[in-house]
Structure formats: C-alpha cells, structure tokens
Amino acid sequence: MKLGCASYSYHRMFESKKIDWPGFLERTWKMNLDGVEVNSLFMPRDKKVATDIKRGAIKLGLDIYALTLDINLCEPTVAKREKAVDAVKQWIDIAALLGAPAMRVDLGWTPKGSKDEEAIKWAIQSYKKCVSYAKTKAIVLTIENHYGLSASASRITEIVERVGTDWFGLTLDTMNYGKGPEAYDQIAKTAKYAVYVHAKTHRLEAGKVDQPKWVEVDIDYNKIMEILRGIGYEGYLSIEYEGEEDEEAAVPKSAEFIRSLLHK
C-alpha cells in the first residue's frame, strides 16, 4: 500500500488562508509521503491553478492520486442534472491535467418532496454519463461512503453494482460508517469496491510501551488493516485528519501512525 495525504486534512488552514497549495505539497513531502489528494473545495476550476499544482508535485516527486468533488447528482429536474453532469465533466478535465487517475464525485442528497429511490435512480443515471466521459481520460470515478444516501454499505453496493463498470468504484472512508462494531462489518462488505481509502484520523494519543508513538483511539485500525489485506488491497491510504487538534501538529502524527500500520 502507498501512503498519501488528503488536502482536507488541512481544511481549517486552507479556509483561513494559513496554507496554500505549495505549502501543502511541501508539508506532504516533509512527511515523506508518496502522494496527495486534491480537494476542489480549495481551488477554482482553473487550468492554470491545476498545472501549477501538478508542477509543484512533480518537483517534489509526489503523486496526485485523486481529485475530490462535492456536488449533487440527485437534482429533481433533467436540466439541473445535466448542469451537474457538465460541471463534473469540467472537473474531470482538471483531474486529467493534474494527472489524477481517480476522482471522487459525491452523490448528493434527496430533494425535498422526492423519495430516496427516485434520487438514487437520478444519481445512477448521472454517474453513468460522467463515467463514460471519465473513461476517455483514463480516470476512474468513485462514490464515497459519506452522508445521506451514501452512508450505508447496502446503498453503496446498490449504486456501484447498478452503475456496473470497472471505471466506477468507492473511496472507502474508515470512519463514515460510524464507530460501532457494525461499522467494520460495512467496511468489510464494501472494501472490494475500494479504488482508494480515506484513512481517517480523529483523536490521536501517545501510544503505550508496545504501541506506535501515536495511536488513533476512535478507530480500530487493526480490524481495518486485516480487512484490506484480506482482499489484497494495494492502493493509497489517504490520510484525512478531521479532529479538533491543531492540524499543523495532528497531521504529522497521523502520518506517523498510519505509516506504522504498513509495517505490522
């Protein structure tokens, strides 16, 4: 497996302008990681910005393994869904410039007055159109187990199977199914669809004598790594820190912890 950092790990710093793309890339490089995941929340849909990010990554020897996009593919009218699909296609072009082989496209949410089944049908129709375009750029699209309609393993399985192509899979988030025992059952059920993994960190504490220096205490990574190794997963573990600690301190701790998992 390879180890990378999602730019969302620094979302507060990006939002407050305390970090920019060169700063993010440099921090990732200093942590000796293999690559980065670029979140569209922190960049305009601009070709120059994309090429500047790509050049910076090349200079530091970093992969750009994914672009993430927040969008709603469950719009209730054909016109609105086509507009969303067009926006996704434009972001696919940005992903191609970045050299990202994967792009996460969020599902969205059920419109007021509509049923979940209707929204899923609309989203699947939209995903199929987006995937057809992404395939021409050699980019795999993914859904994430995230919120609302994509929050359960059964929904993820339904959507991935109904889109029905190797060019569509899952960004598997290690915490978005919840924290209880059932969460690991859902991870196990959907891990086979994983294109890359959001290795979520939330609360890191100093490890005990027989543990790594830093340990994630809200997520059982021993179970998760057993699941991933069991299916022969060899893709990216994309560190995504979402805790309350200062990101400047917590993300390097997260990298140190997740790296320790690769050597067990």
C-alpha atoms as a PDB file:
ATOM      1  CA  MET A   1       0.000   0.000   0.000  1.00  0.00           C
ATOM      2  CA  LYS A   2       1.014   3.612  -0.543  1.00  0.00           C
ATOM      3  CA  LEU A   3       0.582   6.485   1.871  1.00  0.00           C
ATOM      4  CA  GLY A   4      -0.725   9.925   0.956  1.00  0.00           C
ATOM      5  CA  CYS A   5      -2.390  12.984   2.421  1.00  0.00           C
ATOM      6  CA  ALA A   6      -5.803  14.426   1.617  1.00  0.00           C
ATOM      7  CA  SER A   7      -5.729  18.212   1.429  1.00  0.00           C
ATOM      8  CA  TYR A   8      -8.902  18.180   3.539  1.00  0.00           C
ATOM      9  CA  SER A   9      -6.669  17.245   6.470  1.00  0.00           C
ATOM     10  CA  TYR A  10      -5.757  20.936   6.488  1.00  0.00           C
ATOM     11  CA  HIS A  11      -9.256  22.249   5.767  1.00  0.00           C
ATOM     12  CA  ARG A  12      -9.249  24.811   8.579  1.00  0.00           C
ATOM     13  CA  MET A  13      -5.874  26.138   7.485  1.00  0.00           C
ATOM     14  CA  PHE A  14      -6.968  26.330   3.842  1.00  0.00           C
ATOM     15  CA  GLU A  15     -10.191  28.104   4.806  1.00  0.00           C
ATOM     16  CA  SER A  16      -8.315  30.645   6.952  1.00  0.00           C
ATOM     17  CA  LYS A  17      -5.607  31.157   4.279  1.00  0.00           C
ATOM     18  CA  LYS A  18      -2.911  29.859   6.619  1.00  0.00           C
ATOM     19  CA  ILE A  19      -1.830  27.361   3.986  1.00  0.00           C
ATOM     20  CA  ASP A  20      -1.737  27.338   0.185  1.00  0.00           C
ATOM     21  CA  TRP A  21      -1.033  24.599  -2.344  1.00  0.00           C
ATOM     22  CA  PRO A  22       2.769  24.976  -2.323  1.00  0.00           C
ATOM     23  CA  GLY A  23       2.659  24.853   1.473  1.00  0.00           C
ATOM     24  CA  PHE A  24       0.503  21.737   1.457  1.00  0.00           C
ATOM     25  CA  LEU A  25       2.747  19.968  -1.026  1.00  0.00           C
ATOM     26  CA  GLU A  26       5.848  20.879   0.965  1.00  0.00           C
ATOM     27  CA  ARG A  27       4.327  19.559   4.200  1.00  0.00           C
ATOM     28  CA  THR A  28       3.381  16.294   2.496  1.00  0.00           C
ATOM     29  CA  TRP A  29       6.901  15.934   1.117  1.00  0.00           C
ATOM     30  CA  LYS A  30       8.457  16.624   4.538  1.00  0.00           C
ATOM     31  CA  MET A  31       6.301  13.824   5.990  1.00  0.00           C
ATOM     32  CA  ASN A  32       7.894  11.519   3.397  1.00  0.00           C
ATOM     33  CA  LEU A  33       4.541  10.531   1.902  1.00  0.00           C
ATOM     34  CA  ASP A  34       4.010   9.162  -1.594  1.00  0.00           C
ATOM     35  CA  GLY A  35       1.302  11.465  -2.868  1.00  0.00           C
ATOM     36  CA  VAL A  36      -1.596  13.845  -2.349  1.00  0.00           C
ATOM     37  CA  GLU A  37      -5.347  14.037  -2.808  1.00  0.00           C
ATOM     38  CA  VAL A  38      -6.542  17.409  -4.103  1.00  0.00           C
ATOM     39  CA  ASN A  39      -9.898  18.710  -2.853  1.00  0.00           C
ATOM     40  CA  SER A  40     -11.801  21.012  -5.194  1.00  0.00           C
ATOM     41  CA  LEU A  41     -13.078  22.999  -2.210  1.00  0.00           C
ATOM     42  CA  PHE A  42      -9.721  24.737  -2.019  1.00  0.00           C
ATOM     43  CA  MET A  43      -9.129  25.568  -5.671  1.00  0.00           C
ATOM     44  CA  PRO A  44     -11.030  27.222  -8.504  1.00  0.00           C
ATOM     45  CA  ARG A  45     -11.886  25.220 -11.609  1.00  0.00           C
ATOM     46  CA  ASP A  46      -8.918  26.772 -13.338  1.00  0.00           C
ATOM     47  CA  LYS A  47      -6.417  25.104 -15.664  1.00  0.00           C
ATOM     48  CA  LYS A  48      -3.507  27.325 -14.623  1.00  0.00           C
ATOM     49  CA  VAL A  49      -4.048  26.537 -10.948  1.00  0.00           C
ATOM     50  CA  ALA A  50      -4.187  22.824 -11.787  1.00  0.00           C
ATOM     51  CA  THR A  51      -0.983  22.918 -13.821  1.00  0.00           C
ATOM     52  CA  ASP A  52       0.786  24.883 -11.077  1.00  0.00           C
ATOM     53  CA  ILE A  53      -0.225  22.251  -8.508  1.00  0.00           C
ATOM     54  CA  LYS A  54       0.932  19.492 -10.861  1.00  0.00           C
ATOM     55  CA  ARG A  55       4.301  21.186 -11.443  1.00  0.00           C
ATOM     56  CA  GLY A  56       4.790  21.586  -7.714  1.00  0.00           C
ATOM     57  CA  ALA A  57       4.012  17.916  -7.134  1.00  0.00           C
ATOM     58  CA  ILE A  58       6.417  16.820  -9.873  1.00  0.00           C
ATOM     59  CA  LYS A  59       9.177  18.944  -8.373  1.00  0.00           C
ATOM     60  CA  LEU A  60       8.761  17.156  -5.032  1.00  0.00           C
ATOM     61  CA  GLY A  61       8.271  13.684  -6.502  1.00  0.00           C
ATOM     62  CA  LEU A  62       4.681  13.406  -5.285  1.00  0.00           C
ATOM     63  CA  ASP A  63       1.839  11.538  -6.984  1.00  0.00           C
ATOM     64  CA  ILE A  64      -1.516  13.247  -7.331  1.00  0.00           C
ATOM     65  CA  TYR A  65      -3.633  10.149  -6.918  1.00  0.00           C
ATOM     66  CA  ALA A  66      -7.107  11.705  -6.677  1.00  0.00           C
ATOM     67  CA  LEU A  67      -9.282  14.786  -7.004  1.00  0.00           C
ATOM     68  CA  THR A  68     -12.387  15.109  -4.834  1.00  0.00           C
ATOM     69  CA  LEU A  69     -15.555  16.953  -5.804  1.00  0.00           C
ATOM     70  CA  ASP A  70     -18.597  17.877  -3.725  1.00  0.00           C
ATOM     71  CA  ILE A  71     -21.685  18.045  -5.944  1.00  0.00           C
ATOM     72  CA  ASN A  72     -25.334  16.963  -6.026  1.00  0.00           C
ATOM     73  CA  LEU A  73     -26.224  14.420  -8.721  1.00  0.00           C
ATOM     74  CA  CYS A  74     -29.744  13.939  -7.340  1.00  0.00           C
ATOM     75  CA  GLU A  75     -31.307  17.095  -8.778  1.00  0.00           C
ATOM     76  CA  PRO A  76     -35.047  16.675  -9.446  1.00  0.00           C
ATOM     77  CA  THR A  77     -35.111  18.085 -13.000  1.00  0.00           C
ATOM     78  CA  VAL A  78     -33.333  16.919 -16.130  1.00  0.00           C
ATOM     79  CA  ALA A  79     -31.958  20.409 -16.751  1.00  0.00           C
ATOM     80  CA  LYS A  80     -30.377  20.617 -13.282  1.00  0.00           C
ATOM     81  CA  ARG A  81     -28.932  17.105 -13.536  1.00  0.00           C
ATOM     82  CA  GLU A  82     -27.411  17.883 -16.926  1.00  0.00           C
ATOM     83  CA  LYS A  83     -25.871  21.029 -15.460  1.00  0.00           C
ATOM     84  CA  ALA A  84     -24.350  18.950 -12.658  1.00  0.00           C
ATOM     85  CA  VAL A  85     -23.030  16.375 -15.133  1.00  0.00           C
ATOM     86  CA  ASP A  86     -21.468  19.146 -17.230  1.00  0.00           C
ATOM     87  CA  ALA A  87     -19.772  20.512 -14.104  1.00  0.00           C
ATOM     88  CA  VAL A  88     -18.394  17.053 -13.281  1.00  0.00           C
ATOM     89  CA  LYS A  89     -17.026  16.726 -16.818  1.00  0.00           C
ATOM     90  CA  GLN A  90     -15.237  20.052 -16.480  1.00  0.00           C
ATOM     91  CA  TRP A  91     -13.679  18.856 -13.233  1.00  0.00           C
ATOM     92  CA  ILE A  92     -12.681  15.610 -14.942  1.00  0.00           C
ATOM     93  CA  ASP A  93     -10.696  17.762 -17.349  1.00  0.00           C
ATOM     94  CA  ILE A  94      -8.984  19.351 -14.330  1.00  0.00           C
ATOM     95  CA  ALA A  95      -8.266  15.894 -12.893  1.00  0.00           C
ATOM     96  CA  ALA A  96      -6.692  14.932 -16.215  1.00  0.00           C
ATOM     97  CA  LEU A  97      -4.431  17.995 -16.073  1.00  0.00           C
ATOM     98  CA  LEU A  98      -3.427  17.055 -12.539  1.00  0.00           C
ATOM     99  CA  GLY A  99      -2.642  13.542 -13.719  1.00  0.00           C
ATOM    100  CA  ALA A 100      -5.024  12.100 -11.135  1.00  0.00           C
ATOM    101  CA  PRO A 101      -6.118   8.542 -12.011  1.00  0.00           C
ATOM    102  CA  ALA A 102      -9.155   8.750  -9.709  1.00  0.00           C
ATOM    103  CA  MET A 103     -11.811  11.323  -8.889  1.00  0.00           C
ATOM    104  CA  ARG A 104     -14.362  11.142  -6.117  1.00  0.00           C
ATOM    105  CA  VAL A 105     -17.751  12.554  -7.067  1.00  0.00           C
ATOM    106  CA  ASP A 106     -20.221  12.884  -4.221  1.00  0.00           C
ATOM    107  CA  LEU A 107     -23.716  11.513  -4.650  1.00  0.00           C
ATOM    108  CA  GLY A 108     -25.691  14.394  -3.180  1.00  0.00           C
ATOM    109  CA  TRP A 109     -28.960  14.292  -1.299  1.00  0.00           C
ATOM    110  CA  THR A 110     -32.652  13.583  -1.797  1.00  0.00           C
ATOM    111  CA  PRO A 111     -34.533  16.715  -2.918  1.00  0.00           C
ATOM    112  CA  LYS A 112     -37.408  17.918  -0.789  1.00  0.00           C
ATOM    113  CA  GLY A 113     -40.608  16.211  -1.863  1.00  0.00           C
ATOM    114  CA  SER A 114     -38.793  13.314  -3.573  1.00  0.00           C
ATOM    115  CA  LYS A 115     -38.182   9.746  -2.450  1.00  0.00           C
ATOM    116  CA  ASP A 116     -34.761   8.213  -1.831  1.00  0.00           C
ATOM    117  CA  GLU A 117     -35.365   5.644  -4.566  1.00  0.00           C
ATOM    118  CA  GLU A 118     -36.001   8.416  -7.088  1.00  0.00           C
ATOM    119  CA  ALA A 119     -32.864  10.279  -6.041  1.00  0.00           C
ATOM    120  CA  ILE A 120     -30.724   7.158  -6.358  1.00  0.00           C
ATOM    121  CA  LYS A 121     -32.116   6.476  -9.838  1.00  0.00           C
ATOM    122  CA  TRP A 122     -31.258  10.039 -10.917  1.00  0.00           C
ATOM    123  CA  ALA A 123     -27.773   9.795  -9.425  1.00  0.00           C
ATOM    124  CA  ILE A 124     -27.051   6.494 -11.175  1.00  0.00           C
ATOM    125  CA  GLN A 125     -28.134   7.974 -14.491  1.00  0.00           C
ATOM    126  CA  SER A 126     -25.811  10.913 -13.879  1.00  0.00           C
ATOM    127  CA  TYR A 127     -22.915   8.717 -12.746  1.00  0.00           C
ATOM    128  CA  LYS A 128     -23.154   6.651 -15.921  1.00  0.00           C
ATOM    129  CA  LYS A 129     -22.838   9.777 -18.072  1.00  0.00           C
ATOM    130  CA  CYS A 130     -19.909  11.045 -16.009  1.00  0.00           C
ATOM    131  CA  VAL A 131     -18.131   7.681 -16.087  1.00  0.00           C
ATOM    132  CA  SER A 132     -18.449   7.467 -19.872  1.00  0.00           C
ATOM    133  CA  TYR A 133     -16.591  10.767 -20.157  1.00  0.00           C
ATOM    134  CA  ALA A 134     -14.048   9.971 -17.436  1.00  0.00           C
ATOM    135  CA  LYS A 135     -13.143   6.715 -19.201  1.00  0.00           C
ATOM    136  CA  THR A 136     -11.998   8.711 -22.247  1.00  0.00           C
ATOM    137  CA  LYS A 137      -9.482  10.405 -19.924  1.00  0.00           C
ATOM    138  CA  ALA A 138      -8.471   7.109 -18.255  1.00  0.00           C
ATOM    139  CA  ILE A 139      -9.871   8.307 -14.915  1.00  0.00           C
ATOM    140  CA  VAL A 140     -11.801   6.092 -12.503  1.00  0.00           C
ATOM    141  CA  LEU A 141     -14.716   7.812 -10.756  1.00  0.00           C
ATOM    142  CA  THR A 142     -15.715   6.956  -7.202  1.00  0.00           C
ATOM    143  CA  ILE A 143     -18.532   7.454  -4.767  1.00  0.00           C
ATOM    144  CA  GLU A 144     -17.668   7.829  -1.075  1.00  0.00           C
ATOM    145  CA  ASN A 145     -19.478   6.326   1.886  1.00  0.00           C
ATOM    146  CA  HIS A 146     -20.198   9.813   3.114  1.00  0.00           C
ATOM    147  CA  TYR A 147     -23.615  11.045   4.255  1.00  0.00           C
ATOM    148  CA  GLY A 148     -27.312  10.657   3.500  1.00  0.00           C
ATOM    149  CA  LEU A 149     -27.888   8.307   0.597  1.00  0.00           C
ATOM    150  CA  SER A 150     -24.297   7.060   0.586  1.00  0.00           C
ATOM    151  CA  ALA A 151     -23.989   6.404   4.319  1.00  0.00           C
ATOM    152  CA  SER A 152     -24.646   2.631   4.326  1.00  0.00           C
ATOM    153  CA  ALA A 153     -22.954  -0.395   2.791  1.00  0.00           C
ATOM    154  CA  SER A 154     -26.212  -1.540   1.222  1.00  0.00           C
ATOM    155  CA  ARG A 155     -26.639   1.761  -0.633  1.00  0.00           C
ATOM    156  CA  ILE A 156     -23.005   1.826  -1.730  1.00  0.00           C
ATOM    157  CA  THR A 157     -23.283  -1.733  -3.035  1.00  0.00           C
ATOM    158  CA  GLU A 158     -26.524  -0.966  -4.868  1.00  0.00           C
ATOM    159  CA  ILE A 159     -25.136   2.125  -6.573  1.00  0.00           C
ATOM    160  CA  VAL A 160     -21.763   0.642  -7.558  1.00  0.00           C
ATOM    161  CA  GLU A 161     -23.395  -2.504  -8.917  1.00  0.00           C
ATOM    162  CA  ARG A 162     -26.048  -0.604 -10.855  1.00  0.00           C
ATOM    163  CA  VAL A 163     -23.511   1.751 -12.427  1.00  0.00           C
ATOM    164  CA  GLY A 164     -21.835  -1.513 -13.320  1.00  0.00           C
ATOM    165  CA  THR A 165     -18.373  -0.773 -14.671  1.00  0.00           C
ATOM    166  CA  ASP A 166     -14.749  -1.195 -13.639  1.00  0.00           C
ATOM    167  CA  TRP A 167     -14.385   2.561 -14.174  1.00  0.00           C
ATOM    168  CA  PHE A 168     -16.549   3.271 -11.120  1.00  0.00           C
ATOM    169  CA  GLY A 169     -15.773   2.318  -7.544  1.00  0.00           C
ATOM    170  CA  LEU A 170     -15.522   3.513  -3.966  1.00  0.00           C
ATOM    171  CA  THR A 171     -13.499   5.956  -1.934  1.00  0.00           C
ATOM    172  CA  LEU A 172     -13.719   3.928   1.264  1.00  0.00           C
ATOM    173  CA  ASP A 173     -13.762   6.149   4.355  1.00  0.00           C
ATOM    174  CA  THR A 174     -12.732   4.349   7.532  1.00  0.00           C
ATOM    175  CA  MET A 175     -14.952   6.377   9.868  1.00  0.00           C
ATOM    176  CA  ASN A 176     -18.022   7.423   7.877  1.00  0.00           C
ATOM    177  CA  TYR A 177     -19.893   4.192   8.592  1.00  0.00           C
ATOM    178  CA  GLY A 178     -19.728   5.085  12.282  1.00  0.00           C
ATOM    179  CA  LYS A 179     -17.696   3.883  15.253  1.00  0.00           C
ATOM    180  CA  GLY A 180     -19.567   0.791  16.470  1.00  0.00           C
ATOM    181  CA  PRO A 181     -18.935  -2.882  15.592  1.00  0.00           C
ATOM    182  CA  GLU A 182     -21.370  -2.662  12.680  1.00  0.00           C
ATOM    183  CA  ALA A 183     -19.122  -0.082  11.017  1.00  0.00           C
ATOM    184  CA  TYR A 184     -16.397  -2.696  10.451  1.00  0.00           C
ATOM    185  CA  ASP A 185     -18.956  -5.111   9.017  1.00  0.00           C
ATOM    186  CA  GLN A 186     -19.928  -2.432   6.500  1.00  0.00           C
ATOM    187  CA  ILE A 187     -16.283  -1.724   5.662  1.00  0.00           C
ATOM    188  CA  ALA A 188     -15.780  -5.457   5.061  1.00  0.00           C
ATOM    189  CA  LYS A 189     -18.824  -5.608   2.770  1.00  0.00           C
ATOM    190  CA  THR A 190     -17.682  -2.725   0.564  1.00  0.00           C
ATOM    191  CA  ALA A 191     -13.870  -2.912   0.699  1.00  0.00           C
ATOM    192  CA  LYS A 192     -13.806  -4.893  -2.564  1.00  0.00           C
ATOM    193  CA  TYR A 193     -15.018  -1.746  -4.373  1.00  0.00           C
ATOM    194  CA  ALA A 194     -12.244   0.482  -2.969  1.00  0.00           C
ATOM    195  CA  VAL A 195     -10.241   2.470  -5.502  1.00  0.00           C
ATOM    196  CA  TYR A 196      -8.512   4.305  -2.674  1.00  0.00           C
ATOM    197  CA  VAL A 197      -9.077   4.635   1.073  1.00  0.00           C
ATOM    198  CA  HIS A 198      -9.678   7.662   3.257  1.00  0.00           C
ATOM    199  CA  ALA A 199      -7.620   6.675   6.282  1.00  0.00           C
ATOM    200  CA  LYS A 200      -9.476   8.892   8.714  1.00  0.00           C
ATOM    201  CA  THR A 201      -7.829  10.082  11.903  1.00  0.00           C
ATOM    202  CA  HIS A 202      -9.825  11.792  14.615  1.00  0.00           C
ATOM    203  CA  ARG A 203      -8.221  11.570  18.035  1.00  0.00           C
ATOM    204  CA  LEU A 204      -4.561  10.686  18.476  1.00  0.00           C
ATOM    205  CA  GLU A 205      -2.981   9.837  21.801  1.00  0.00           C
ATOM    206  CA  ALA A 206       0.509   8.809  22.853  1.00  0.00           C
ATOM    207  CA  GLY A 207       0.986   5.061  22.445  1.00  0.00           C
ATOM    208  CA  LYS A 208       1.857   2.685  25.246  1.00  0.00           C
ATOM    209  CA  VAL A 209       5.137   0.773  25.501  1.00  0.00           C
ATOM    210  CA  ASP A 210       4.135  -1.882  22.948  1.00  0.00           C
ATOM    211  CA  GLN A 211       2.394   0.587  20.601  1.00  0.00           C
ATOM    212  CA  PRO A 212       3.454   3.159  17.990  1.00  0.00           C
ATOM    213  CA  LYS A 213       4.396   6.633  19.216  1.00  0.00           C
ATOM    214  CA  TRP A 214       0.917   7.917  18.269  1.00  0.00           C
ATOM    215  CA  VAL A 215      -2.298   5.886  18.186  1.00  0.00           C
ATOM    216  CA  GLU A 216      -5.750   6.676  16.762  1.00  0.00           C
ATOM    217  CA  VAL A 217      -8.135   5.832  19.593  1.00  0.00           C
ATOM    218  CA  ASP A 218     -11.556   6.226  17.948  1.00  0.00           C
ATOM    219  CA  ILE A 219     -10.994   3.798  15.055  1.00  0.00           C
ATOM    220  CA  ASP A 220      -9.844   0.165  15.238  1.00  0.00           C
ATOM    221  CA  TYR A 221      -7.184   0.127  12.550  1.00  0.00           C
ATOM    222  CA  ASN A 222      -6.119  -3.415  13.361  1.00  0.00           C
ATOM    223  CA  LYS A 223      -9.528  -4.576  12.100  1.00  0.00           C
ATOM    224  CA  ILE A 224      -9.397  -2.269   9.098  1.00  0.00           C
ATOM    225  CA  MET A 225      -5.934  -3.381   8.014  1.00  0.00           C
ATOM    226  CA  GLU A 226      -6.975  -7.011   8.409  1.00  0.00           C
ATOM    227  CA  ILE A 227      -9.900  -6.353   6.066  1.00  0.00           C
ATOM    228  CA  LEU A 228      -7.790  -4.510   3.493  1.00  0.00           C
ATOM    229  CA  ARG A 229      -5.008  -7.099   3.500  1.00  0.00           C
ATOM    230  CA  GLY A 230      -7.618  -9.837   3.282  1.00  0.00           C
ATOM    231  CA  ILE A 231      -8.864  -8.553  -0.076  1.00  0.00           C
ATOM    232  CA  GLY A 232      -5.365  -7.848  -1.369  1.00  0.00           C
ATOM    233  CA  TYR A 233      -5.762  -4.067  -1.362  1.00  0.00           C
ATOM    234  CA  GLU A 234      -2.607  -2.319  -2.628  1.00  0.00           C
ATOM    235  CA  GLY A 235      -3.829   1.236  -3.265  1.00  0.00           C
ATOM    236  CA  TYR A 236      -3.467   4.506  -1.406  1.00  0.00           C
ATOM    237  CA  LEU A 237      -4.225   5.117   2.240  1.00  0.00           C
ATOM    238  CA  SER A 238      -5.152   8.787   2.032  1.00  0.00           C
ATOM    239  CA  ILE A 239      -4.736  10.374   5.460  1.00  0.00           C
ATOM    240  CA  GLU A 240      -7.747  12.540   6.246  1.00  0.00           C
ATOM    241  CA  TYR A 241      -7.483  14.213   9.637  1.00  0.00           C
ATOM    242  CA  GLU A 242     -10.803  15.542  10.981  1.00  0.00           C
ATOM    243  CA  GLY A 243     -10.164  16.023  14.682  1.00  0.00           C
ATOM    244  CA  GLU A 244     -10.070  19.105  16.886  1.00  0.00           C
ATOM    245  CA  GLU A 245      -6.314  19.263  17.465  1.00  0.00           C
ATOM    246  CA  ASP A 246      -4.275  21.838  15.584  1.00  0.00           C
ATOM    247  CA  GLU A 247      -3.780  20.464  12.069  1.00  0.00           C
ATOM    248  CA  GLU A 248      -0.140  21.512  11.919  1.00  0.00           C
ATOM    249  CA  ALA A 249       0.598  19.107  14.767  1.00  0.00           C
ATOM    250  CA  ALA A 250      -2.028  16.431  14.204  1.00  0.00           C
ATOM    251  CA  VAL A 251      -1.442  15.605  10.539  1.00  0.00           C
ATOM    252  CA  PRO A 252       2.233  14.594  11.016  1.00  0.00           C
ATOM    253  CA  LYS A 253       1.140  12.478  14.000  1.00  0.00           C
ATOM    254  CA  SER A 254      -1.467  10.871  11.753  1.00  0.00           C
ATOM    255  CA  ALA A 255       1.160  10.128   9.107  1.00  0.00           C
ATOM    256  CA  GLU A 256       3.448   8.544  11.681  1.00  0.00           C
ATOM    257  CA  PHE A 257       0.609   6.373  12.992  1.00  0.00           C
ATOM    258  CA  ILE A 258      -0.746   5.248   9.611  1.00  0.00           C
ATOM    259  CA  ARG A 259       2.788   4.504   8.403  1.00  0.00           C
ATOM    260  CA  SER A 260       3.293   2.224  11.403  1.00  0.00           C
ATOM    261  CA  LEU A 261       0.352   0.115  10.207  1.00  0.00           C
ATOM    262  CA  LEU A 262       2.140  -0.709   6.971  1.00  0.00           C
ATOM    263  CA  HIS A 263       4.967  -2.409   8.827  1.00  0.00           C
ATOM    264  CA  LYS A 264       2.884  -4.712  11.004  1.00  0.00           C
END
